[in-house]
Amino acid sequence: MPQQPPTTDELFREVYDQLRGLAAGQIAREPAGHTLTPTALVHEAYLRLAQRGRGWCDRKHFLHAAARAMRHILISHARAKKSLKRGGDRQRLDFDGLDLAAPPADDDLLALDEALTALAAEDPLAAAVVELRYFGGADWDAVAGALGVSADDAREEWRYAKTWLLHRLRPGCDRAR
C-alpha cells in the first residue's frame, strides 16, 4: 500500500521549532516597533499552508512553502504599515548596499519583493534560491535538495540573483557585494 504524503499538521509539528527559529531571526532584524511576533508569523504561515488543503511531497517541500508564506506575510505587513493611514506618506530612503543576509526596512522590503517577483518571471530558479536562503534561512544543502540542483548550482544562482537584484534595486551599480 503506497504511503500517503504527510499532512500540513504532521509537518508543522515536525518543523515548528525550526520555523519558530527562522521567524525569530526575521523579526529580530526588523525595524524597532515591529508588531509581529515570531509565534504570530509562524502561526499565520501555518494558517496559509493549511488552507491549501493538500499533502506535501516531503519536509523540504513544506519548508519551501513555509518560507514563501512567511515572505508574503512580511510583505503584507510592510504594505499595511506603509499605508497612508499608518504613516505611509513618509519618504522612502535608499539603502547603501544590498545585504541579503539581513531584511531591509519595510519600504526596502517592498522594493525587494517587487524586484524578486520580476526576477521570478525571468528566472524562477534564481528567485526560488533567494526565497529559500533569504526568507527561509535554508543552508546550501537544503536549497539544493528542495530545488533538485547541486549546492554549487544553487550558489551560482544565488550570485546571479544578488547581482540581478542589486542592478534592479540600485541602477548603475556595477557589481554585487
C-alpha atoms as a PDB file:
ATOM      1  CA  MET A   1       0.000   0.000   0.000  1.00  0.00           C
ATOM      2  CA  PRO A   2       1.539   3.336  -1.009  1.00  0.00           C
ATOM      3  CA  GLN A   3       2.408   5.702   1.797  1.00  0.00           C
ATOM      4  CA  GLN A   4       0.272   8.832   1.954  1.00  0.00           C
ATOM      5  CA  PRO A   5       2.055  12.161   1.751  1.00  0.00           C
ATOM      6  CA  PRO A   6       2.496  13.920   5.088  1.00  0.00           C
ATOM      7  CA  THR A   7      -0.209  16.376   6.085  1.00  0.00           C
ATOM      8  CA  THR A   8       0.271  20.015   6.924  1.00  0.00           C
ATOM      9  CA  ASP A   9      -0.394  19.299  10.599  1.00  0.00           C
ATOM     10  CA  GLU A  10       2.168  16.494  10.735  1.00  0.00           C
ATOM     11  CA  LEU A  11       4.876  18.525   9.042  1.00  0.00           C
ATOM     12  CA  PHE A  12       4.084  21.649  11.043  1.00  0.00           C
ATOM     13  CA  ARG A  13       4.554  19.761  14.311  1.00  0.00           C
ATOM     14  CA  GLU A  14       7.798  18.266  12.980  1.00  0.00           C
ATOM     15  CA  VAL A  15       9.372  21.565  11.896  1.00  0.00           C
ATOM     16  CA  TYR A  16       7.722  24.019  14.302  1.00  0.00           C
ATOM     17  CA  ASP A  17      10.886  24.741  16.274  1.00  0.00           C
ATOM     18  CA  GLN A  18      12.863  25.303  13.067  1.00  0.00           C
ATOM     19  CA  LEU A  19      10.202  27.655  11.678  1.00  0.00           C
ATOM     20  CA  ARG A  20       9.994  29.486  15.003  1.00  0.00           C
ATOM     21  CA  GLY A  21      13.772  29.997  14.950  1.00  0.00           C
ATOM     22  CA  LEU A  22      13.673  31.327  11.384  1.00  0.00           C
ATOM     23  CA  ALA A  23      10.802  33.653  12.252  1.00  0.00           C
ATOM     24  CA  ALA A  24      12.614  34.902  15.363  1.00  0.00           C
ATOM     25  CA  GLY A  25      15.642  35.740  13.223  1.00  0.00           C
ATOM     26  CA  GLN A  26      13.492  37.593  10.696  1.00  0.00           C
ATOM     27  CA  ILE A  27      11.607  39.563  13.358  1.00  0.00           C
ATOM     28  CA  ALA A  28      14.824  40.417  15.246  1.00  0.00           C
ATOM     29  CA  ARG A  29      16.187  42.110  12.111  1.00  0.00           C
ATOM     30  CA  GLU A  30      13.025  44.140  11.518  1.00  0.00           C
ATOM     31  CA  PRO A  31      12.955  47.827  12.463  1.00  0.00           C
ATOM     32  CA  ALA A  32      12.115  48.717  16.062  1.00  0.00           C
ATOM     33  CA  GLY A  33       8.415  48.769  16.803  1.00  0.00           C
ATOM     34  CA  HIS A  34       7.567  45.801  14.609  1.00  0.00           C
ATOM     35  CA  THR A  35       4.244  44.416  15.777  1.00  0.00           C
ATOM     36  CA  LEU A  36       4.575  40.848  14.525  1.00  0.00           C
ATOM     37  CA  THR A  37       5.977  38.267  16.900  1.00  0.00           C
ATOM     38  CA  PRO A  38       7.833  35.157  15.737  1.00  0.00           C
ATOM     39  CA  THR A  39       4.993  32.983  17.037  1.00  0.00           C
ATOM     40  CA  ALA A  40       2.402  35.059  15.175  1.00  0.00           C
ATOM     41  CA  LEU A  41       4.442  34.863  11.972  1.00  0.00           C
ATOM     42  CA  VAL A  42       4.772  31.072  12.200  1.00  0.00           C
ATOM     43  CA  HIS A  43       1.108  30.594  13.042  1.00  0.00           C
ATOM     44  CA  GLU A  44      -0.023  32.870  10.218  1.00  0.00           C
ATOM     45  CA  ALA A  45       2.200  30.871   7.839  1.00  0.00           C
ATOM     46  CA  TYR A  46       0.594  27.676   9.158  1.00  0.00           C
ATOM     47  CA  LEU A  47      -2.900  29.049   8.514  1.00  0.00           C
ATOM     48  CA  ARG A  48      -1.960  29.915   4.940  1.00  0.00           C
ATOM     49  CA  LEU A  49      -0.449  26.484   4.363  1.00  0.00           C
ATOM     50  CA  ALA A  50      -3.384  24.689   5.982  1.00  0.00           C
ATOM     51  CA  GLN A  51      -5.804  26.474   3.645  1.00  0.00           C
ATOM     52  CA  ARG A  52      -4.190  24.677   0.740  1.00  0.00           C
ATOM     53  CA  GLY A  53      -5.853  21.503   1.980  1.00  0.00           C
ATOM     54  CA  ARG A  54      -3.368  19.075   0.474  1.00  0.00           C
ATOM     55  CA  GLY A  55      -0.453  16.886   1.403  1.00  0.00           C
ATOM     56  CA  TRP A  56       3.171  17.711   0.801  1.00  0.00           C
ATOM     57  CA  CYS A  57       5.794  15.806  -1.125  1.00  0.00           C
ATOM     58  CA  ASP A  58       8.188  15.930   1.815  1.00  0.00           C
ATOM     59  CA  ARG A  59       9.626  18.094   4.556  1.00  0.00           C
ATOM     60  CA  LYS A  60      11.725  20.164   2.129  1.00  0.00           C
ATOM     61  CA  HIS A  61       8.667  20.957   0.007  1.00  0.00           C
ATOM     62  CA  PHE A  62       6.837  22.088   3.146  1.00  0.00           C
ATOM     63  CA  LEU A  63       9.752  24.266   4.318  1.00  0.00           C
ATOM     64  CA  HIS A  64       9.938  25.914   0.897  1.00  0.00           C
ATOM     65  CA  ALA A  65       6.224  26.693   1.036  1.00  0.00           C
ATOM     66  CA  ALA A  66       6.563  27.958   4.623  1.00  0.00           C
ATOM     67  CA  ALA A  67       9.422  30.285   3.606  1.00  0.00           C
ATOM     68  CA  ARG A  68       7.279  31.640   0.784  1.00  0.00           C
ATOM     69  CA  ALA A  69       4.309  32.088   3.136  1.00  0.00           C
ATOM     70  CA  MET A  70       6.458  33.977   5.662  1.00  0.00           C
ATOM     71  CA  ARG A  71       7.744  36.180   2.845  1.00  0.00           C
ATOM     72  CA  HIS A  72       4.206  37.059   1.814  1.00  0.00           C
ATOM     73  CA  ILE A  73       3.156  37.733   5.402  1.00  0.00           C
ATOM     74  CA  LEU A  74       6.098  40.077   5.974  1.00  0.00           C
ATOM     75  CA  ILE A  75       5.353  41.833   2.676  1.00  0.00           C
ATOM     76  CA  SER A  76       1.664  42.214   3.563  1.00  0.00           C
ATOM     77  CA  HIS A  77       2.616  43.545   6.974  1.00  0.00           C
ATOM     78  CA  ALA A  78       5.032  46.044   5.406  1.00  0.00           C
ATOM     79  CA  ARG A  79       2.364  47.199   2.948  1.00  0.00           C
ATOM     80  CA  ALA A  80      -0.141  47.671   5.744  1.00  0.00           C
ATOM     81  CA  LYS A  81       2.355  49.715   7.750  1.00  0.00           C
ATOM     82  CA  LYS A  82       3.142  51.818   4.708  1.00  0.00           C
ATOM     83  CA  SER A  83      -0.480  52.699   4.045  1.00  0.00           C
ATOM     84  CA  LEU A  84      -1.379  56.342   4.456  1.00  0.00           C
ATOM     85  CA  LYS A  85      -3.475  55.518   7.489  1.00  0.00           C
ATOM     86  CA  ARG A  86      -0.340  54.313   9.227  1.00  0.00           C
ATOM     87  CA  GLY A  87       2.080  56.996   8.060  1.00  0.00           C
ATOM     88  CA  GLY A  88       2.639  55.668   4.555  1.00  0.00           C
ATOM     89  CA  ASP A  89       3.243  59.168   3.243  1.00  0.00           C
ATOM     90  CA  ARG A  90       6.792  59.104   4.616  1.00  0.00           C
ATOM     91  CA  GLN A  91       9.625  59.380   2.126  1.00  0.00           C
ATOM     92  CA  ARG A  92      11.480  56.277   1.037  1.00  0.00           C
ATOM     93  CA  LEU A  93      15.164  56.198   1.959  1.00  0.00           C
ATOM     94  CA  ASP A  94      17.667  54.496  -0.323  1.00  0.00           C
ATOM     95  CA  PHE A  95      19.956  51.958   1.268  1.00  0.00           C
ATOM     96  CA  ASP A  96      23.678  51.898   0.633  1.00  0.00           C
ATOM     97  CA  GLY A  97      24.021  48.258  -0.340  1.00  0.00           C
ATOM     98  CA  LEU A  98      22.082  45.106  -0.898  1.00  0.00           C
ATOM     99  CA  ASP A  99      22.698  42.773   2.010  1.00  0.00           C
ATOM    100  CA  LEU A 100      20.583  39.683   1.540  1.00  0.00           C
ATOM    101  CA  ALA A 101      21.684  38.405   4.932  1.00  0.00           C
ATOM    102  CA  ALA A 102      19.529  40.950   6.781  1.00  0.00           C
ATOM    103  CA  PRO A 103      15.977  42.005   5.920  1.00  0.00           C
ATOM    104  CA  PRO A 104      15.611  45.618   4.856  1.00  0.00           C
ATOM    105  CA  ALA A 105      13.204  48.166   6.301  1.00  0.00           C
ATOM    106  CA  ASP A 106       9.558  47.994   5.224  1.00  0.00           C
ATOM    107  CA  ASP A 107       9.950  50.239   2.142  1.00  0.00           C
ATOM    108  CA  ASP A 108      13.035  48.352   1.068  1.00  0.00           C
ATOM    109  CA  LEU A 109      11.302  45.027   1.733  1.00  0.00           C
ATOM    110  CA  LEU A 110       8.515  46.090  -0.625  1.00  0.00           C
ATOM    111  CA  ALA A 111      11.075  47.089  -3.268  1.00  0.00           C
ATOM    112  CA  LEU A 112      12.845  43.745  -2.800  1.00  0.00           C
ATOM    113  CA  ASP A 113       9.543  41.885  -3.156  1.00  0.00           C
ATOM    114  CA  GLU A 114       8.746  43.733  -6.380  1.00  0.00           C
ATOM    115  CA  ALA A 115      12.219  43.000  -7.748  1.00  0.00           C
ATOM    116  CA  LEU A 116      12.030  39.356  -6.642  1.00  0.00           C
ATOM    117  CA  THR A 117       8.691  38.971  -8.421  1.00  0.00           C
ATOM    118  CA  ALA A 118      10.274  40.367 -11.596  1.00  0.00           C
ATOM    119  CA  LEU A 119      13.239  38.011 -11.187  1.00  0.00           C
ATOM    120  CA  ALA A 120      10.864  35.061 -10.797  1.00  0.00           C
ATOM    121  CA  ALA A 121       9.292  35.905 -14.148  1.00  0.00           C
ATOM    122  CA  GLU A 122      12.719  35.882 -15.775  1.00  0.00           C
ATOM    123  CA  ASP A 123      14.480  33.146 -13.777  1.00  0.00           C
ATOM    124  CA  PRO A 124      12.243  31.153 -11.410  1.00  0.00           C
ATOM    125  CA  LEU A 125      15.153  29.059 -10.110  1.00  0.00           C
ATOM    126  CA  ALA A 126      17.183  32.096  -9.037  1.00  0.00           C
ATOM    127  CA  ALA A 127      14.110  33.587  -7.334  1.00  0.00           C
ATOM    128  CA  ALA A 128      13.453  30.309  -5.513  1.00  0.00           C
ATOM    129  CA  VAL A 129      17.041  30.255  -4.241  1.00  0.00           C
ATOM    130  CA  VAL A 130      16.582  33.764  -2.827  1.00  0.00           C
ATOM    131  CA  GLU A 131      13.297  32.792  -1.176  1.00  0.00           C
ATOM    132  CA  LEU A 132      14.810  29.727   0.445  1.00  0.00           C
ATOM    133  CA  ARG A 133      18.026  31.432   1.577  1.00  0.00           C
ATOM    134  CA  TYR A 134      16.733  34.875   2.485  1.00  0.00           C
ATOM    135  CA  PHE A 135      13.204  34.277   3.716  1.00  0.00           C
ATOM    136  CA  GLY A 136      13.571  30.637   4.718  1.00  0.00           C
ATOM    137  CA  GLY A 137      17.087  30.693   6.162  1.00  0.00           C
ATOM    138  CA  ALA A 138      17.926  27.425   4.390  1.00  0.00           C
ATOM    139  CA  ASP A 139      21.519  26.257   4.088  1.00  0.00           C
ATOM    140  CA  TRP A 140      23.015  25.342   0.715  1.00  0.00           C
ATOM    141  CA  ASP A 141      22.278  21.636   1.036  1.00  0.00           C
ATOM    142  CA  ALA A 142      18.636  22.328   1.877  1.00  0.00           C
ATOM    143  CA  VAL A 143      18.304  24.771  -1.037  1.00  0.00           C
ATOM    144  CA  ALA A 144      19.894  22.281  -3.416  1.00  0.00           C
ATOM    145  CA  GLY A 145      17.697  19.437  -2.187  1.00  0.00           C
ATOM    146  CA  ALA A 146      14.498  21.460  -2.348  1.00  0.00           C
ATOM    147  CA  LEU A 147      15.209  22.626  -5.889  1.00  0.00           C
ATOM    148  CA  GLY A 148      16.784  19.437  -7.233  1.00  0.00           C
ATOM    149  CA  VAL A 149      20.112  21.046  -8.131  1.00  0.00           C
ATOM    150  CA  SER A 150      23.638  20.758  -6.798  1.00  0.00           C
ATOM    151  CA  ALA A 151      24.822  23.023  -3.995  1.00  0.00           C
ATOM    152  CA  ASP A 152      27.297  24.586  -6.448  1.00  0.00           C
ATOM    153  CA  ASP A 153      24.469  25.339  -8.887  1.00  0.00           C
ATOM    154  CA  ALA A 154      22.432  26.853  -6.042  1.00  0.00           C
ATOM    155  CA  ARG A 155      25.374  29.083  -5.094  1.00  0.00           C
ATOM    156  CA  GLU A 156      25.751  30.172  -8.720  1.00  0.00           C
ATOM    157  CA  GLU A 157      22.047  31.028  -8.899  1.00  0.00           C
ATOM    158  CA  TRP A 158      22.468  32.997  -5.643  1.00  0.00           C
ATOM    159  CA  ARG A 159      25.335  35.026  -7.127  1.00  0.00           C
ATOM    160  CA  TYR A 160      23.312  35.696 -10.251  1.00  0.00           C
ATOM    161  CA  ALA A 161      20.219  36.649  -8.230  1.00  0.00           C
ATOM    162  CA  LYS A 162      22.186  39.002  -5.969  1.00  0.00           C
ATOM    163  CA  THR A 163      23.678  40.768  -8.974  1.00  0.00           C
ATOM    164  CA  TRP A 164      20.327  40.922 -10.769  1.00  0.00           C
ATOM    165  CA  LEU A 165      18.550  42.292  -7.706  1.00  0.00           C
ATOM    166  CA  LEU A 166      21.297  44.794  -6.992  1.00  0.00           C
ATOM    167  CA  HIS A 167      21.079  46.139 -10.544  1.00  0.00           C
ATOM    168  CA  ARG A 168      17.293  46.297 -10.267  1.00  0.00           C
ATOM    169  CA  LEU A 169      17.290  47.998  -6.879  1.00  0.00           C
ATOM    170  CA  ARG A 170      20.335  50.236  -7.471  1.00  0.00           C
ATOM    171  CA  PRO A 171      20.510  51.161 -11.151  1.00  0.00           C
ATOM    172  CA  GLY A 172      24.030  51.953 -12.275  1.00  0.00           C
ATOM    173  CA  CYS A 173      25.694  49.663  -9.745  1.00  0.00           C
ATOM    174  CA  ASP A 174      28.476  47.663 -11.409  1.00  0.00           C
ATOM    175  CA  ARG A 175      28.729  44.585  -9.213  1.00  0.00           C
ATOM    176  CA  ALA A 176      27.203  42.695  -6.289  1.00  0.00           C
ATOM    177  CA  ARG A 177      28.926  42.767  -2.935  1.00  0.00           C
END
